[in-house]
Amino acid sequence: MTFPRAVTALALALMLAGCSGYRPAPPAFHAALQQPYLLDSGDSVRVTVFEQEGLTNSYAVDQAGYVSFPLVGAVPARGQTTKQLEAAIAAKLRNGYIRDPDVSAEVDRYRPIFIMGEVGAAGQYSYVPGMTVQKAIAAAGGFSARAQQRDVDITRSINGKVMTGRVVTSDPLLPGDTVYVRERLF
């Protein structure tokens, strides 16, 4: 191999090594979009107890993953669906407080998403059901002049594991996602 060819090969290898940070989204990433929504810290849940106006209210899921509910105290919410939370609250109320409680729960406010990198105003934003990466970036002031606009990196917690993957801007987001818009090279 001649010297110019060796230099060219080395330059090509270094350039490709710079691209080794690419992480396509793992299969679990998109499978999480089809799963029932699981509550976590930062969510707010609207709990209605039929004919019990004093118990009907919005309750926040605290940092420990619990909802502090009147009469019964802390009810585990992290990793639970709203149906599971309803059942847990009803079971606790049935234990000496209300004979046959009729409890319903729905997400009142989802935990926020975070947008970082090459956007107009990086920060924390409210999640809205059906939100895509593109809509989230628009809420953050759009792409900066230096932004790589084709795809972004998303960090998502799935089954207790934090995963990062690269997705296109038309992909949907989940509450708690962190979006990172990279700077383009050219």
Protein backbone atom coordinates (compact mmCIF):
# COMPACT_ATOMS: atom_id res chain seq x y z
CA MET A 1 0.00 0.00 0.00
CA THR A 2 1.43 3.36 -0.98
CA PHE A 3 1.66 6.22 1.49
CA PRO A 4 -1.25 8.29 0.01
CA ARG A 5 -3.48 5.21 0.00
CA ALA A 6 -2.58 4.45 3.62
CA VAL A 7 -3.39 8.02 4.65
CA THR A 8 -6.70 7.86 2.77
CA ALA A 9 -7.57 4.52 4.41
CA LEU A 10 -6.68 5.89 7.84
CA ALA A 11 -8.76 9.02 7.27
CA LEU A 12 -11.71 6.90 6.12
CA ALA A 13 -11.39 4.64 9.18
CA LEU A 14 -11.31 7.64 11.52
CA MET A 15 -14.32 9.18 9.80
CA LEU A 16 -16.30 5.95 10.13
CA ALA A 17 -15.23 5.61 13.77
CA GLY A 18 -16.78 9.03 14.37
CA CYS A 19 -20.11 7.61 13.16
CA SER A 20 -19.94 4.66 15.56
CA GLY A 21 -22.12 6.57 18.04
CA TYR A 22 -25.16 5.67 15.94
CA ARG A 23 -27.64 3.66 17.97
CA PRO A 24 -30.78 2.59 16.12
CA ALA A 25 -33.81 2.28 18.36
CA PRO A 26 -33.96 -1.19 19.97
CA PRO A 27 -37.09 -3.27 19.21
CA ALA A 28 -38.42 -2.67 22.76
CA PHE A 29 -38.42 1.04 21.97
CA HIS A 30 -41.33 0.85 19.54
CA ALA A 31 -43.01 -2.06 21.35
CA ALA A 32 -43.39 0.26 24.39
CA LEU A 33 -45.73 2.44 22.30
CA GLN A 34 -48.26 -0.42 22.15
CA GLN A 35 -48.23 -1.20 25.90
CA PRO A 36 -50.74 0.17 28.42
CA TYR A 37 -49.57 3.38 30.06
CA LEU A 38 -47.79 2.84 33.37
CA LEU A 39 -47.82 5.55 36.02
CA ASP A 40 -44.63 7.06 37.41
CA SER A 41 -43.34 10.05 39.35
CA GLY A 42 -44.47 13.32 37.83
CA ASP A 43 -47.88 12.04 36.73
CA SER A 44 -51.08 13.43 38.20
CA VAL A 45 -54.11 11.14 38.48
CA ARG A 46 -57.75 12.20 38.73
CA VAL A 47 -59.44 9.77 41.14
CA THR A 48 -63.23 9.75 41.43
CA VAL A 49 -64.97 7.88 44.25
CA PHE A 50 -68.69 7.74 43.45
CA GLU A 51 -70.81 9.57 46.07
CA GLN A 52 -67.69 10.57 48.04
CA GLU A 53 -67.01 14.18 47.02
CA GLY A 54 -64.36 14.61 49.72
CA LEU A 55 -62.23 11.86 48.18
CA THR A 56 -62.64 12.88 44.53
CA ASN A 57 -59.60 14.93 43.50
CA SER A 58 -56.37 14.99 41.49
CA TYR A 59 -53.42 13.30 43.17
CA ALA A 60 -49.75 13.49 42.22
CA VAL A 61 -47.53 10.43 42.01
CA ASP A 62 -44.64 11.37 44.33
CA GLN A 63 -40.91 10.72 43.86
CA ALA A 64 -41.23 7.40 45.70
CA GLY A 65 -43.98 6.29 43.29
CA TYR A 66 -46.95 6.57 45.66
CA VAL A 67 -50.24 8.46 45.65
CA SER A 68 -51.15 9.88 49.05
CA PHE A 69 -54.88 9.18 49.32
CA PRO A 70 -57.14 10.43 52.15
CA LEU A 71 -58.16 7.88 54.80
CA VAL A 72 -55.92 5.09 53.50
CA GLY A 73 -52.53 6.81 53.13
CA ALA A 74 -49.90 5.89 50.54
CA VAL A 75 -51.02 3.72 47.63
CA PRO A 76 -48.34 2.31 45.27
CA ALA A 77 -48.74 3.79 41.77
CA ARG A 78 -45.36 3.45 40.02
CA GLY A 79 -45.52 0.81 37.31
CA GLN A 80 -49.30 0.44 37.67
CA THR A 81 -52.01 1.13 35.11
CA THR A 82 -54.91 3.38 36.11
CA LYS A 83 -57.11 0.25 36.37
CA GLN A 84 -54.66 -1.34 38.81
CA LEU A 85 -54.56 1.89 40.84
CA GLU A 86 -58.38 1.95 40.95
CA ALA A 87 -58.41 -1.60 42.31
CA ALA A 88 -55.74 -0.84 44.93
CA ILE A 89 -57.56 2.25 46.20
CA ALA A 90 -60.92 0.41 46.28
CA ALA A 91 -59.38 -2.49 48.22
CA LYS A 92 -57.93 -0.11 50.82
CA LEU A 93 -61.20 1.82 51.12
CA ARG A 94 -63.12 -1.47 51.51
CA ASN A 95 -60.93 -2.28 54.49
CA GLY A 96 -63.01 -0.45 57.10
CA TYR A 97 -63.89 2.83 55.37
CA ILE A 98 -66.48 2.34 52.60
CA ARG A 99 -68.57 -0.78 52.15
CA ASP A 100 -68.54 -1.03 48.33
CA PRO A 101 -66.46 1.82 46.86
CA ASP A 102 -66.85 2.66 43.17
CA VAL A 103 -63.46 4.09 42.16
CA SER A 104 -62.29 5.35 38.79
CA ALA A 105 -58.93 6.85 37.88
CA GLU A 106 -57.56 8.58 34.80
CA VAL A 107 -54.36 10.43 34.03
CA ASP A 108 -54.97 14.11 34.65
CA ARG A 109 -51.47 15.32 33.70
CA TYR A 110 -48.66 13.25 32.22
CA ARG A 111 -45.06 13.55 33.37
CA PRO A 112 -43.10 16.04 31.24
CA ILE A 113 -40.77 15.41 28.33
CA PHE A 114 -37.35 17.03 28.03
CA ILE A 115 -35.86 18.51 24.88
CA MET A 116 -32.14 19.23 24.59
CA GLY A 117 -29.61 20.13 21.95
CA GLU A 118 -30.06 22.18 18.81
CA VAL A 119 -33.52 23.68 19.40
CA GLY A 120 -34.76 27.21 19.98
CA ALA A 121 -35.49 26.76 23.69
CA ALA A 122 -34.29 23.55 25.32
CA GLY A 123 -36.08 22.54 28.51
CA GLN A 124 -38.97 20.69 30.10
CA TYR A 125 -42.32 20.59 28.27
CA SER A 126 -45.76 19.21 28.99
CA TYR A 127 -46.58 15.94 27.26
CA VAL A 128 -49.77 15.78 25.20
CA PRO A 129 -51.14 12.38 24.05
CA GLY A 130 -50.25 11.75 20.42
CA MET A 131 -47.20 14.03 20.56
CA THR A 132 -44.51 13.28 17.98
CA VAL A 133 -40.85 14.29 18.02
CA GLN A 134 -41.61 16.97 15.42
CA LYS A 135 -44.43 18.50 17.50
CA ALA A 136 -42.24 18.50 20.61
CA ILE A 137 -39.44 20.27 18.75
CA ALA A 138 -41.95 22.84 17.48
CA ALA A 139 -43.03 23.47 21.11
CA ALA A 140 -39.35 24.03 21.95
CA GLY A 141 -39.00 26.79 19.37
CA GLY A 142 -38.09 24.63 16.38
CA PHE A 143 -34.70 23.52 15.13
CA SER A 144 -31.69 25.81 15.47
CA ALA A 145 -29.74 26.74 12.34
CA ARG A 146 -27.14 24.05 13.14
CA ALA A 147 -29.59 21.21 13.87
CA GLN A 148 -29.50 17.77 12.28
CA GLN A 149 -33.17 17.64 11.22
CA ARG A 150 -33.47 14.12 9.81
CA ASP A 151 -33.44 12.14 13.08
CA VAL A 152 -32.94 12.58 16.83
CA ASP A 153 -31.83 10.55 19.83
CA ILE A 154 -34.48 9.63 22.39
CA THR A 155 -33.80 8.32 25.87
CA ARG A 156 -36.69 6.29 27.30
CA SER A 157 -37.22 4.15 30.39
CA ILE A 158 -38.62 0.74 29.43
CA ASN A 159 -39.32 -1.88 32.10
CA GLY A 160 -36.96 -0.13 34.50
CA LYS A 161 -34.12 0.07 31.95
CA VAL A 162 -32.99 3.34 30.39
CA MET A 163 -32.48 2.97 26.64
CA THR A 164 -31.35 5.42 23.97
CA GLY A 165 -32.07 5.07 20.28
CA ARG A 166 -32.17 7.13 17.13
CA VAL A 167 -35.58 7.74 15.54
CA VAL A 168 -37.05 9.88 12.77
CA THR A 169 -38.92 13.05 13.69
CA SER A 170 -42.31 11.54 12.84
CA ASP A 171 -41.99 8.96 15.65
CA PRO A 172 -44.34 9.29 18.64
CA LEU A 173 -43.09 10.20 22.11
CA LEU A 174 -44.01 8.83 25.52
CA PRO A 175 -44.24 10.78 28.78
CA GLY A 176 -40.84 11.11 30.44
CA ASP A 177 -38.88 10.85 27.16
CA THR A 178 -35.76 12.95 26.65
CA VAL A 179 -35.22 14.18 23.08
CA TYR A 180 -31.72 15.20 21.99
CA VAL A 181 -31.32 17.07 18.70
CA ARG A 182 -27.76 16.68 17.43
CA GLU A 183 -25.69 19.28 15.62
CA ARG A 184 -25.17 18.55 11.93
CA LEU A 185 -21.65 18.07 10.67
CA PHE A 186 -21.92 20.15 7.48
